[in-house]
Amino acid sequence: DDGDDGDDGDDGDDGDNRYDSLRKVPQYPRYMQELYERCLELYICPRAKTKKTRLEAKSLLPDLPKPSELRPFPTQLTLVYEGHKGRVRSISVHPTGHWLAS
């Protein structure tokens, strides 16, 4: 007795091929059923309900700094141009810097 009980997982097939080509190998018996089930899973999966998150507009906006944190900016009136009764929205400065147009 050489200690071999004959149950080493080798069923005597040492390189003999029972089939001439891959085309002659029989199909896995449950192949078509498993293929159908997998396709069905892929077909139905996108239709699964997902919980939508409710977002509030305030949570999307960043926190704005306080005006006191935005300094330095002018806090006192240093120069007054007279002649307009309403607000001046924009001005153009002459290239020499001597003239303003509103």
PDB file of N, CA and C in Angstrom:
ATOM      1  N   ASP A   1       0.853  -1.179   0.000  1.00  0.00           N
ATOM      2  CA  ASP A   1       0.000   0.000   0.000  1.00  0.00           C
ATOM      3  C   ASP A   1       0.896   1.238   0.000  1.00  0.00           C
ATOM      4  N   ASP A   2       0.677   2.129  -0.948  1.00  0.00           N
ATOM      5  CA  ASP A   2       1.513   3.323  -1.050  1.00  0.00           C
ATOM      6  C   ASP A   2       0.870   4.536  -0.388  1.00  0.00           C
ATOM      7  N   GLY A   3      -0.212   4.340   0.390  1.00  0.00           N
ATOM      8  CA  GLY A   3      -0.861   5.431   1.105  1.00  0.00           C
ATOM      9  C   GLY A   3      -1.845   6.189   0.239  1.00  0.00           C
ATOM     10  N   ASP A   4      -2.022   5.784  -0.990  1.00  0.00           N
ATOM     11  CA  ASP A   4      -2.944   6.461  -1.889  1.00  0.00           C
ATOM     12  C   ASP A   4      -4.287   5.786  -1.792  1.00  0.00           C
ATOM     13  N   ASP A   5      -5.283   6.519  -1.311  1.00  0.00           N
ATOM     14  CA  ASP A   5      -6.599   5.916  -1.183  1.00  0.00           C
ATOM     15  C   ASP A   5      -7.430   6.102  -2.456  1.00  0.00           C
ATOM     16  N   GLY A   6      -6.852   6.739  -3.465  1.00  0.00           N
ATOM     17  CA  GLY A   6      -7.535   6.892  -4.744  1.00  0.00           C
ATOM     18  C   GLY A   6      -8.536   8.027  -4.764  1.00  0.00           C
ATOM     19  N   ASP A   7      -8.552   8.835  -3.682  1.00  0.00           N
ATOM     20  CA  ASP A   7      -9.527   9.929  -3.608  1.00  0.00           C
ATOM     21  C   ASP A   7      -8.798  11.277  -3.626  1.00  0.00           C
ATOM     22  N   ASP A   8      -7.923  11.475  -4.598  1.00  0.00           N
ATOM     23  CA  ASP A   8      -7.149  12.709  -4.673  1.00  0.00           C
ATOM     24  C   ASP A   8      -7.771  13.709  -5.647  1.00  0.00           C
ATOM     25  N   GLY A   9      -8.993  13.500  -6.063  1.00  0.00           N
ATOM     26  CA  GLY A   9      -9.674  14.417  -6.947  1.00  0.00           C
ATOM     27  C   GLY A   9      -9.396  14.145  -8.411  1.00  0.00           C
ATOM     28  N   ASP A  10      -8.495  13.235  -8.718  1.00  0.00           N
ATOM     29  CA  ASP A  10      -8.188  12.915 -10.104  1.00  0.00           C
ATOM     30  C   ASP A  10      -9.023  11.703 -10.484  1.00  0.00           C
ATOM     31  N   ASP A  11      -9.860  11.864 -11.473  1.00  0.00           N
ATOM     32  CA  ASP A  11     -10.734  10.759 -11.852  1.00  0.00           C
ATOM     33  C   ASP A  11     -10.166   9.976 -13.032  1.00  0.00           C
ATOM     34  N   GLY A  12      -8.854   9.924 -13.133  1.00  0.00           N
ATOM     35  CA  GLY A  12      -8.237   9.114 -14.162  1.00  0.00           C
ATOM     36  C   GLY A  12      -8.071   9.826 -15.489  1.00  0.00           C
ATOM     37  N   ASP A  13      -8.544  11.047 -15.579  1.00  0.00           N
ATOM     38  CA  ASP A  13      -8.438  11.788 -16.829  1.00  0.00           C
ATOM     39  C   ASP A  13      -7.104  12.519 -16.837  1.00  0.00           C
ATOM     40  N   ASP A  14      -6.077  11.928 -17.384  1.00  0.00           N
ATOM     41  CA  ASP A  14      -4.752  12.558 -17.359  1.00  0.00           C
ATOM     42  C   ASP A  14      -4.399  13.115 -18.746  1.00  0.00           C
ATOM     43  N   GLY A  15      -5.216  14.037 -19.216  1.00  0.00           N
ATOM     44  CA  GLY A  15      -4.920  14.655 -20.493  1.00  0.00           C
ATOM     45  C   GLY A  15      -5.779  14.141 -21.618  1.00  0.00           C
ATOM     46  N   ASP A  16      -6.512  13.027 -21.448  1.00  0.00           N
ATOM     47  CA  ASP A  16      -7.411  12.584 -22.515  1.00  0.00           C
ATOM     48  C   ASP A  16      -8.541  13.600 -22.627  1.00  0.00           C
ATOM     49  N   ASN A  17      -8.824  14.000 -23.796  1.00  0.00           N
ATOM     50  CA  ASN A  17      -9.974  14.887 -24.005  1.00  0.00           C
ATOM     51  C   ASN A  17     -11.103  14.046 -24.567  1.00  0.00           C
ATOM     52  N   ARG A  18     -12.254  14.212 -23.946  1.00  0.00           N
ATOM     53  CA  ARG A  18     -13.398  13.432 -24.405  1.00  0.00           C
ATOM     54  C   ARG A  18     -14.046  14.058 -25.627  1.00  0.00           C
ATOM     55  N   TYR A  19     -13.713  15.313 -25.922  1.00  0.00           N
ATOM     56  CA  TYR A  19     -14.343  16.005 -27.033  1.00  0.00           C
ATOM     57  C   TYR A  19     -13.262  16.495 -28.004  1.00  0.00           C
ATOM     58  N   ASP A  20     -13.549  16.416 -29.291  1.00  0.00           N
ATOM     59  CA  ASP A  20     -12.588  16.842 -30.314  1.00  0.00           C
ATOM     60  C   ASP A  20     -12.410  18.359 -30.319  1.00  0.00           C
ATOM     61  N   SER A  21     -13.485  19.084 -30.085  1.00  0.00           N
ATOM     62  CA  SER A  21     -13.411  20.548 -30.126  1.00  0.00           C
ATOM     63  C   SER A  21     -14.330  21.115 -29.056  1.00  0.00           C
ATOM     64  N   LEU A  22     -14.182  22.397 -28.824  1.00  0.00           N
ATOM     65  CA  LEU A  22     -14.978  23.081 -27.808  1.00  0.00           C
ATOM     66  C   LEU A  22     -16.458  23.108 -28.196  1.00  0.00           C
ATOM     67  N   ARG A  23     -16.736  23.108 -29.475  1.00  0.00           N
ATOM     68  CA  ARG A  23     -18.124  23.118 -29.943  1.00  0.00           C
ATOM     69  C   ARG A  23     -18.888  21.863 -29.521  1.00  0.00           C
ATOM     70  N   LYS A  24     -18.185  20.777 -29.292  1.00  0.00           N
ATOM     71  CA  LYS A  24     -18.840  19.515 -28.951  1.00  0.00           C
ATOM     72  C   LYS A  24     -19.043  19.336 -27.444  1.00  0.00           C
ATOM     73  N   VAL A  25     -18.495  20.256 -26.647  1.00  0.00           N
ATOM     74  CA  VAL A  25     -18.675  20.189 -25.192  1.00  0.00           C
ATOM     75  C   VAL A  25     -20.120  20.580 -24.901  1.00  0.00           C
ATOM     76  N   PRO A  26     -20.854  19.779 -24.120  1.00  0.00           N
ATOM     77  CA  PRO A  26     -22.255  20.109 -23.848  1.00  0.00           C
ATOM     78  C   PRO A  26     -22.374  21.391 -23.022  1.00  0.00           C
ATOM     79  N   GLN A  27     -23.492  22.054 -23.204  1.00  0.00           N
ATOM     80  CA  GLN A  27     -23.748  23.323 -22.518  1.00  0.00           C
ATOM     81  C   GLN A  27     -24.043  23.068 -21.040  1.00  0.00           C
ATOM     82  N   TYR A  28     -23.679  24.049 -20.219  1.00  0.00           N
ATOM     83  CA  TYR A  28     -24.028  24.004 -18.802  1.00  0.00           C
ATOM     84  C   TYR A  28     -25.550  23.942 -18.702  1.00  0.00           C
ATOM     85  N   PRO A  29     -26.111  22.970 -17.957  1.00  0.00           N
ATOM     86  CA  PRO A  29     -27.567  22.748 -17.981  1.00  0.00           C
ATOM     87  C   PRO A  29     -28.405  23.960 -17.555  1.00  0.00           C
ATOM     88  N   ARG A  30     -27.929  24.748 -16.613  1.00  0.00           N
ATOM     89  CA  ARG A  30     -28.720  25.896 -16.138  1.00  0.00           C
ATOM     90  C   ARG A  30     -28.288  27.210 -16.772  1.00  0.00           C
ATOM     91  N   TYR A  31     -27.483  27.159 -17.824  1.00  0.00           N
ATOM     92  CA  TYR A  31     -26.938  28.366 -18.436  1.00  0.00           C
ATOM     93  C   TYR A  31     -28.038  29.324 -18.896  1.00  0.00           C
ATOM     94  N   MET A  32     -28.990  28.841 -19.661  1.00  0.00           N
ATOM     95  CA  MET A  32     -30.035  29.708 -20.202  1.00  0.00           C
ATOM     96  C   MET A  32     -30.892  30.302 -19.089  1.00  0.00           C
ATOM     97  N   GLN A  33     -31.210  29.509 -18.063  1.00  0.00           N
ATOM     98  CA  GLN A  33     -32.015  30.016 -16.952  1.00  0.00           C
ATOM     99  C   GLN A  33     -31.252  31.110 -16.194  1.00  0.00           C
ATOM    100  N   GLU A  34     -29.972  30.884 -15.926  1.00  0.00           N
ATOM    101  CA  GLU A  34     -29.178  31.886 -15.212  1.00  0.00           C
ATOM    102  C   GLU A  34     -28.982  33.142 -16.054  1.00  0.00           C
ATOM    103  N   LEU A  35     -28.799  32.988 -17.341  1.00  0.00           N
ATOM    104  CA  LEU A  35     -28.658  34.135 -18.229  1.00  0.00           C
ATOM    105  C   LEU A  35     -29.945  34.957 -18.229  1.00  0.00           C
ATOM    106  N   TYR A  36     -31.082  34.282 -18.302  1.00  0.00           N
ATOM    107  CA  TYR A  36     -32.374  34.966 -18.269  1.00  0.00           C
ATOM    108  C   TYR A  36     -32.554  35.712 -16.947  1.00  0.00           C
ATOM    109  N   GLU A  37     -32.231  35.080 -15.825  1.00  0.00           N
ATOM    110  CA  GLU A  37     -32.385  35.713 -14.517  1.00  0.00           C
ATOM    111  C   GLU A  37     -31.482  36.932 -14.381  1.00  0.00           C
ATOM    112  N   ARG A  38     -30.262  36.828 -14.888  1.00  0.00           N
ATOM    113  CA  ARG A  38     -29.335  37.969 -14.807  1.00  0.00           C
ATOM    114  C   ARG A  38     -29.824  39.129 -15.663  1.00  0.00           C
ATOM    115  N   CYS A  39     -30.310  38.828 -16.854  1.00  0.00           N
ATOM    116  CA  CYS A  39     -30.851  39.894 -17.709  1.00  0.00           C
ATOM    117  C   CYS A  39     -32.063  40.543 -17.061  1.00  0.00           C
ATOM    118  N   LEU A  40     -32.891  39.738 -16.413  1.00  0.00           N
ATOM    119  CA  LEU A  40     -34.059  40.261 -15.724  1.00  0.00           C
ATOM    120  C   LEU A  40     -33.648  41.184 -14.572  1.00  0.00           C
ATOM    121  N   GLU A  41     -32.618  40.797 -13.840  1.00  0.00           N
ATOM    122  CA  GLU A  41     -32.121  41.642 -12.753  1.00  0.00           C
ATOM    123  C   GLU A  41     -31.629  42.979 -13.292  1.00  0.00           C
ATOM    124  N   LEU A  42     -30.886  42.934 -14.390  1.00  0.00           N
ATOM    125  CA  LEU A  42     -30.370  44.173 -14.972  1.00  0.00           C
ATOM    126  C   LEU A  42     -31.489  45.036 -15.542  1.00  0.00           C
ATOM    127  N   TYR A  43     -32.540  44.415 -16.032  1.00  0.00           N
ATOM    128  CA  TYR A  43     -33.664  45.128 -16.610  1.00  0.00           C
ATOM    129  C   TYR A  43     -34.495  45.813 -15.531  1.00  0.00           C
ATOM    130  N   ILE A  44     -34.700  45.129 -14.422  1.00  0.00           N
ATOM    131  CA  ILE A  44     -35.567  45.644 -13.366  1.00  0.00           C
ATOM    132  C   ILE A  44     -34.810  46.560 -12.404  1.00  0.00           C
ATOM    133  N   CYS A  45     -33.539  46.365 -12.237  1.00  0.00           N
ATOM    134  CA  CYS A  45     -32.761  47.113 -11.246  1.00  0.00           C
ATOM    135  C   CYS A  45     -32.891  48.627 -11.386  1.00  0.00           C
ATOM    136  N   PRO A  46     -32.784  49.223 -12.580  1.00  0.00           N
ATOM    137  CA  PRO A  46     -32.893  50.676 -12.665  1.00  0.00           C
ATOM    138  C   PRO A  46     -34.254  51.209 -12.243  1.00  0.00           C
ATOM    139  N   ARG A  47     -35.253  50.353 -12.198  1.00  0.00           N
ATOM    140  CA  ARG A  47     -36.587  50.810 -11.834  1.00  0.00           C
ATOM    141  C   ARG A  47     -36.847  50.734 -10.346  1.00  0.00           C
ATOM    142  N   ALA A  48     -35.865  50.298  -9.601  1.00  0.00           N
ATOM    143  CA  ALA A  48     -36.039  50.226  -8.153  1.00  0.00           C
ATOM    144  C   ALA A  48     -36.183  51.636  -7.605  1.00  0.00           C
ATOM    145  N   LYS A  49     -37.053  51.804  -6.641  1.00  0.00           N
ATOM    146  CA  LYS A  49     -37.278  53.126  -6.064  1.00  0.00           C
ATOM    147  C   LYS A  49     -36.103  53.516  -5.185  1.00  0.00           C
ATOM    148  N   THR A  50     -35.693  54.744  -5.337  1.00  0.00           N
ATOM    149  CA  THR A  50     -34.636  55.278  -4.481  1.00  0.00           C
ATOM    150  C   THR A  50     -35.208  56.448  -3.692  1.00  0.00           C
ATOM    151  N   LYS A  51     -34.723  56.589  -2.507  1.00  0.00           N
ATOM    152  CA  LYS A  51     -35.204  57.672  -1.660  1.00  0.00           C
ATOM    153  C   LYS A  51     -34.548  58.970  -2.100  1.00  0.00           C
ATOM    154  N   LYS A  52     -35.361  59.962  -2.398  1.00  0.00           N
ATOM    155  CA  LYS A  52     -34.838  61.256  -2.827  1.00  0.00           C
ATOM    156  C   LYS A  52     -34.526  62.098  -1.598  1.00  0.00           C
ATOM    157  N   THR A  53     -33.457  62.831  -1.691  1.00  0.00           N
ATOM    158  CA  THR A  53     -33.056  63.686  -0.590  1.00  0.00           C
ATOM    159  C   THR A  53     -33.709  65.048  -0.760  1.00  0.00           C
ATOM    160  N   ARG A  54     -34.256  65.524   0.307  1.00  0.00           N
ATOM    161  CA  ARG A  54     -34.875  66.847   0.279  1.00  0.00           C
ATOM    162  C   ARG A  54     -33.828  67.861   0.689  1.00  0.00           C
ATOM    163  N   LEU A  55     -33.503  68.790  -0.199  1.00  0.00           N
ATOM    164  CA  LEU A  55     -32.527  69.820   0.106  1.00  0.00           C
ATOM    165  C   LEU A  55     -33.224  71.162   0.245  1.00  0.00           C
ATOM    166  N   GLU A  56     -32.780  71.908   1.207  1.00  0.00           N
ATOM    167  CA  GLU A  56     -33.296  73.254   1.376  1.00  0.00           C
ATOM    168  C   GLU A  56     -32.333  74.220   0.710  1.00  0.00           C
ATOM    169  N   ALA A  57     -32.869  75.291   0.159  1.00  0.00           N
ATOM    170  CA  ALA A  57     -32.047  76.269  -0.555  1.00  0.00           C
ATOM    171  C   ALA A  57     -31.003  76.895   0.379  1.00  0.00           C
ATOM    172  N   LYS A  58     -31.358  77.091   1.631  1.00  0.00           N
ATOM    173  CA  LYS A  58     -30.421  77.705   2.573  1.00  0.00           C
ATOM    174  C   LYS A  58     -29.190  76.840   2.813  1.00  0.00           C
ATOM    175  N   SER A  59     -29.356  75.526   2.729  1.00  0.00           N
ATOM    176  CA  SER A  59     -28.214  74.647   2.958  1.00  0.00           C
ATOM    177  C   SER A  59     -27.248  74.656   1.775  1.00  0.00           C
ATOM    178  N   LEU A  60     -27.714  75.086   0.596  1.00  0.00           N
ATOM    179  CA  LEU A  60     -26.857  75.128  -0.588  1.00  0.00           C
ATOM    180  C   LEU A  60     -26.055  76.422  -0.690  1.00  0.00           C
ATOM    181  N   LEU A  61     -26.550  77.478  -0.067  1.00  0.00           N
ATOM    182  CA  LEU A  61     -25.861  78.766  -0.143  1.00  0.00           C
ATOM    183  C   LEU A  61     -24.728  78.821   0.880  1.00  0.00           C
ATOM    184  N   PRO A  62     -23.603  79.398   0.491  1.00  0.00           N
ATOM    185  CA  PRO A  62     -22.503  79.524   1.462  1.00  0.00           C
ATOM    186  C   PRO A  62     -22.822  80.605   2.489  1.00  0.00           C
ATOM    187  N   ASP A  63     -22.185  80.520   3.627  1.00  0.00           N
ATOM    188  CA  ASP A  63     -22.356  81.541   4.653  1.00  0.00           C
ATOM    189  C   ASP A  63     -21.628  82.806   4.201  1.00  0.00           C
ATOM    190  N   LEU A  64     -22.348  83.921   4.164  1.00  0.00           N
ATOM    191  CA  LEU A  64     -21.747  85.183   3.735  1.00  0.00           C
ATOM    192  C   LEU A  64     -21.098  85.870   4.928  1.00  0.00           C
ATOM    193  N   PRO A  65     -19.958  86.514   4.688  1.00  0.00           N
ATOM    194  CA  PRO A  65     -19.300  87.219   5.794  1.00  0.00           C
ATOM    195  C   PRO A  65     -20.072  88.476   6.176  1.00  0.00           C
ATOM    196  N   LYS A  66     -19.861  88.911   7.389  1.00  0.00           N
ATOM    197  CA  LYS A  66     -20.486  90.137   7.872  1.00  0.00           C
ATOM    198  C   LYS A  66     -19.780  91.329   7.220  1.00  0.00           C
ATOM    199  N   PRO A  67     -20.488  92.434   7.011  1.00  0.00           N
ATOM    200  CA  PRO A  67     -19.835  93.608   6.403  1.00  0.00           C
ATOM    201  C   PRO A  67     -18.624  94.095   7.194  1.00  0.00           C
ATOM    202  N   SER A  68     -18.631  93.926   8.496  1.00  0.00           N
ATOM    203  CA  SER A  68     -17.489  94.367   9.303  1.00  0.00           C
ATOM    204  C   SER A  68     -16.239  93.532   9.011  1.00  0.00           C
ATOM    205  N   GLU A  69     -16.443  92.297   8.507  1.00  0.00           N
ATOM    206  CA  GLU A  69     -15.311  91.436   8.170  1.00  0.00           C
ATOM    207  C   GLU A  69     -14.736  91.736   6.784  1.00  0.00           C
ATOM    208  N   LEU A  70     -15.433  92.551   5.986  1.00  0.00           N
ATOM    209  CA  LEU A  70     -15.004  92.839   4.621  1.00  0.00           C
ATOM    210  C   LEU A  70     -14.132  94.090   4.519  1.00  0.00           C
ATOM    211  N   ARG A  71     -13.804  94.667   5.602  1.00  0.00           N
ATOM    212  CA  ARG A  71     -12.971  95.876   5.557  1.00  0.00           C
ATOM    213  C   ARG A  71     -11.584  95.546   5.077  1.00  0.00           C
ATOM    214  N   PRO A  72     -10.833  96.357   4.456  1.00  0.00           N
ATOM    215  CA  PRO A  72     -11.013  97.808   4.364  1.00  0.00           C
ATOM    216  C   PRO A  72     -11.850  98.202   3.146  1.00  0.00           C
ATOM    217  N   PHE A  73     -12.784  99.051   3.370  1.00  0.00           N
ATOM    218  CA  PHE A  73     -13.517  99.713   2.296  1.00  0.00           C
ATOM    219  C   PHE A  73     -13.886 101.091   2.847  1.00  0.00           C
ATOM    220  N   PRO A  74     -14.156 102.054   1.964  1.00  0.00           N
ATOM    221  CA  PRO A  74     -14.409 103.420   2.463  1.00  0.00           C
ATOM    222  C   PRO A  74     -15.624 103.470   3.380  1.00  0.00           C
ATOM    223  N   THR A  75     -15.411 104.065   4.536  1.00  0.00           N
ATOM    224  CA  THR A  75     -16.510 104.214   5.488  1.00  0.00           C
ATOM    225  C   THR A  75     -16.845 105.683   5.723  1.00  0.00           C
ATOM    226  N   GLN A  76     -16.105 106.570   5.084  1.00  0.00           N
ATOM    227  CA  GLN A  76     -16.422 107.985   5.217  1.00  0.00           C
ATOM    228  C   GLN A  76     -16.356 108.656   3.860  1.00  0.00           C
ATOM    229  N   LEU A  77     -17.095 109.712   3.706  1.00  0.00           N
ATOM    230  CA  LEU A  77     -17.166 110.450   2.463  1.00  0.00           C
ATOM    231  C   LEU A  77     -15.955 111.370   2.356  1.00  0.00           C
ATOM    232  N   THR A  78     -15.187 111.235   1.291  1.00  0.00           N
ATOM    233  CA  THR A  78     -13.983 112.052   1.153  1.00  0.00           C
ATOM    234  C   THR A  78     -14.074 113.063   0.021  1.00  0.00           C
ATOM    235  N   LEU A  79     -14.925 112.787  -0.975  1.00  0.00           N
ATOM    236  CA  LEU A  79     -15.003 113.668  -2.132  1.00  0.00           C
ATOM    237  C   LEU A  79     -16.431 113.682  -2.647  1.00  0.00           C
ATOM    238  N   VAL A  80     -16.944 114.863  -2.994  1.00  0.00           N
ATOM    239  CA  VAL A  80     -18.307 115.001  -3.469  1.00  0.00           C
ATOM    240  C   VAL A  80     -18.276 115.668  -4.836  1.00  0.00           C
ATOM    241  N   TYR A  81     -18.955 115.048  -5.807  1.00  0.00           N
ATOM    242  CA  TYR A  81     -19.145 115.658  -7.122  1.00  0.00           C
ATOM    243  C   TYR A  81     -20.612 116.075  -7.209  1.00  0.00           C
ATOM    244  N   GLU A  82     -20.846 117.345  -7.448  1.00  0.00           N
ATOM    245  CA  GLU A  82     -22.216 117.848  -7.485  1.00  0.00           C
ATOM    246  C   GLU A  82     -22.677 118.002  -8.926  1.00  0.00           C
ATOM    247  N   GLY A  83     -23.980 117.982  -9.112  1.00  0.00           N
ATOM    248  CA  GLY A  83     -24.533 118.204 -10.434  1.00  0.00           C
ATOM    249  C   GLY A  83     -25.591 117.176 -10.795  1.00  0.00           C
ATOM    250  N   HIS A  84     -25.656 116.083 -10.134  1.00  0.00           N
ATOM    251  CA  HIS A  84     -26.675 115.057 -10.401  1.00  0.00           C
ATOM    252  C   HIS A  84     -27.712 115.075  -9.303  1.00  0.00           C
ATOM    253  N   LYS A  85     -28.962 114.804  -9.704  1.00  0.00           N
ATOM    254  CA  LYS A  85     -30.035 114.743  -8.708  1.00  0.00           C
ATOM    255  C   LYS A  85     -30.318 113.299  -8.290  1.00  0.00           C
ATOM    256  N   GLY A  86     -29.958 112.345  -9.168  1.00  0.00           N
ATOM    257  CA  GLY A  86     -30.182 110.930  -8.851  1.00  0.00           C
ATOM    258  C   GLY A  86     -28.840 110.221  -8.668  1.00  0.00           C
ATOM    259  N   ARG A  87     -28.912 108.934  -8.603  1.00  0.00           N
ATOM    260  CA  ARG A  87     -27.698 108.128  -8.435  1.00  0.00           C
ATOM    261  C   ARG A  87     -26.916 108.071  -9.734  1.00  0.00           C
ATOM    262  N   VAL A  88     -25.626 108.018  -9.606  1.00  0.00           N
ATOM    263  CA  VAL A  88     -24.739 107.823 -10.749  1.00  0.00           C
ATOM    264  C   VAL A  88     -24.385 106.342 -10.766  1.00  0.00           C
ATOM    265  N   ARG A  89     -24.711 105.664 -11.847  1.00  0.00           N
ATOM    266  CA  ARG A  89     -24.491 104.223 -11.940  1.00  0.00           C
ATOM    267  C   ARG A  89     -23.108 103.883 -12.468  1.00  0.00           C
ATOM    268  N   SER A  90     -22.552 104.749 -13.339  1.00  0.00           N
ATOM    269  CA  SER A  90     -21.214 104.484 -13.860  1.00  0.00           C
ATOM    270  C   SER A  90     -20.580 105.793 -14.326  1.00  0.00           C
ATOM    271  N   ILE A  91     -19.274 105.760 -14.393  1.00  0.00           N
ATOM    272  CA  ILE A  91     -18.537 106.927 -14.889  1.00  0.00           C
ATOM    273  C   ILE A  91     -17.412 106.457 -15.796  1.00  0.00           C
ATOM    274  N   SER A  92     -16.981 107.356 -16.674  1.00  0.00           N
ATOM    275  CA  SER A  92     -15.812 107.107 -17.516  1.00  0.00           C
ATOM    276  C   SER A  92     -14.789 108.178 -17.207  1.00  0.00           C
ATOM    277  N   VAL A  93     -13.570 107.763 -17.079  1.00  0.00           N
ATOM    278  CA  VAL A  93     -12.484 108.693 -16.760  1.00  0.00           C
ATOM    279  C   VAL A  93     -11.668 108.921 -18.021  1.00  0.00           C
ATOM    280  N   HIS A  94     -11.382 110.192 -18.318  1.00  0.00           N
ATOM    281  CA  HIS A  94     -10.546 110.548 -19.460  1.00  0.00           C
ATOM    282  C   HIS A  94      -9.138 109.999 -19.216  1.00  0.00           C
ATOM    283  N   PRO A  95      -8.433 109.575 -20.272  1.00  0.00           N
ATOM    284  CA  PRO A  95      -7.089 109.013 -20.087  1.00  0.00           C
ATOM    285  C   PRO A  95      -6.131 109.927 -19.324  1.00  0.00           C
ATOM    286  N   THR A  96      -6.338 111.220 -19.399  1.00  0.00           N
ATOM    287  CA  THR A  96      -5.447 112.128 -18.661  1.00  0.00           C
ATOM    288  C   THR A  96      -5.827 112.201 -17.183  1.00  0.00           C
ATOM    289  N   GLY A  97      -7.060 111.787 -16.861  1.00  0.00           N
ATOM    290  CA  GLY A  97      -7.493 111.825 -15.462  1.00  0.00           C
ATOM    291  C   GLY A  97      -8.078 113.152 -15.057  1.00  0.00           C
ATOM    292  N   HIS A  98      -8.188 114.090 -15.997  1.00  0.00           N
ATOM    293  CA  HIS A  98      -8.705 115.419 -15.653  1.00  0.00           C
ATOM    294  C   HIS A  98     -10.217 115.520 -15.802  1.00  0.00           C
ATOM    295  N   TRP A  99     -10.847 114.621 -16.506  1.00  0.00           N
ATOM    296  CA  TRP A  99     -12.281 114.722 -16.783  1.00  0.00           C
ATOM    297  C   TRP A  99     -12.996 113.423 -16.419  1.00  0.00           C
ATOM    298  N   LEU A 100     -14.248 113.581 -15.957  1.00  0.00           N
ATOM    299  CA  LEU A 100     -15.126 112.444 -15.684  1.00  0.00           C
ATOM    300  C   LEU A 100     -16.403 112.633 -16.486  1.00  0.00           C
ATOM    301  N   ALA A 101     -16.958 111.546 -16.997  1.00  0.00           N
ATOM    302  CA  ALA A 101     -18.246 111.599 -17.690  1.00  0.00           C
ATOM    303  C   ALA A 101     -19.162 110.565 -17.062  1.00  0.00           C
ATOM    304  N   SER A 102     -20.398 110.979 -16.807  1.00  0.00           N
ATOM    305  CA  SER A 102     -21.359 110.055 -16.204  1.00  0.00           C
ATOM    306  C   SER A 102     -22.532 109.824 -17.122  1.00  0.00           C
TER     307      SER A 102
END
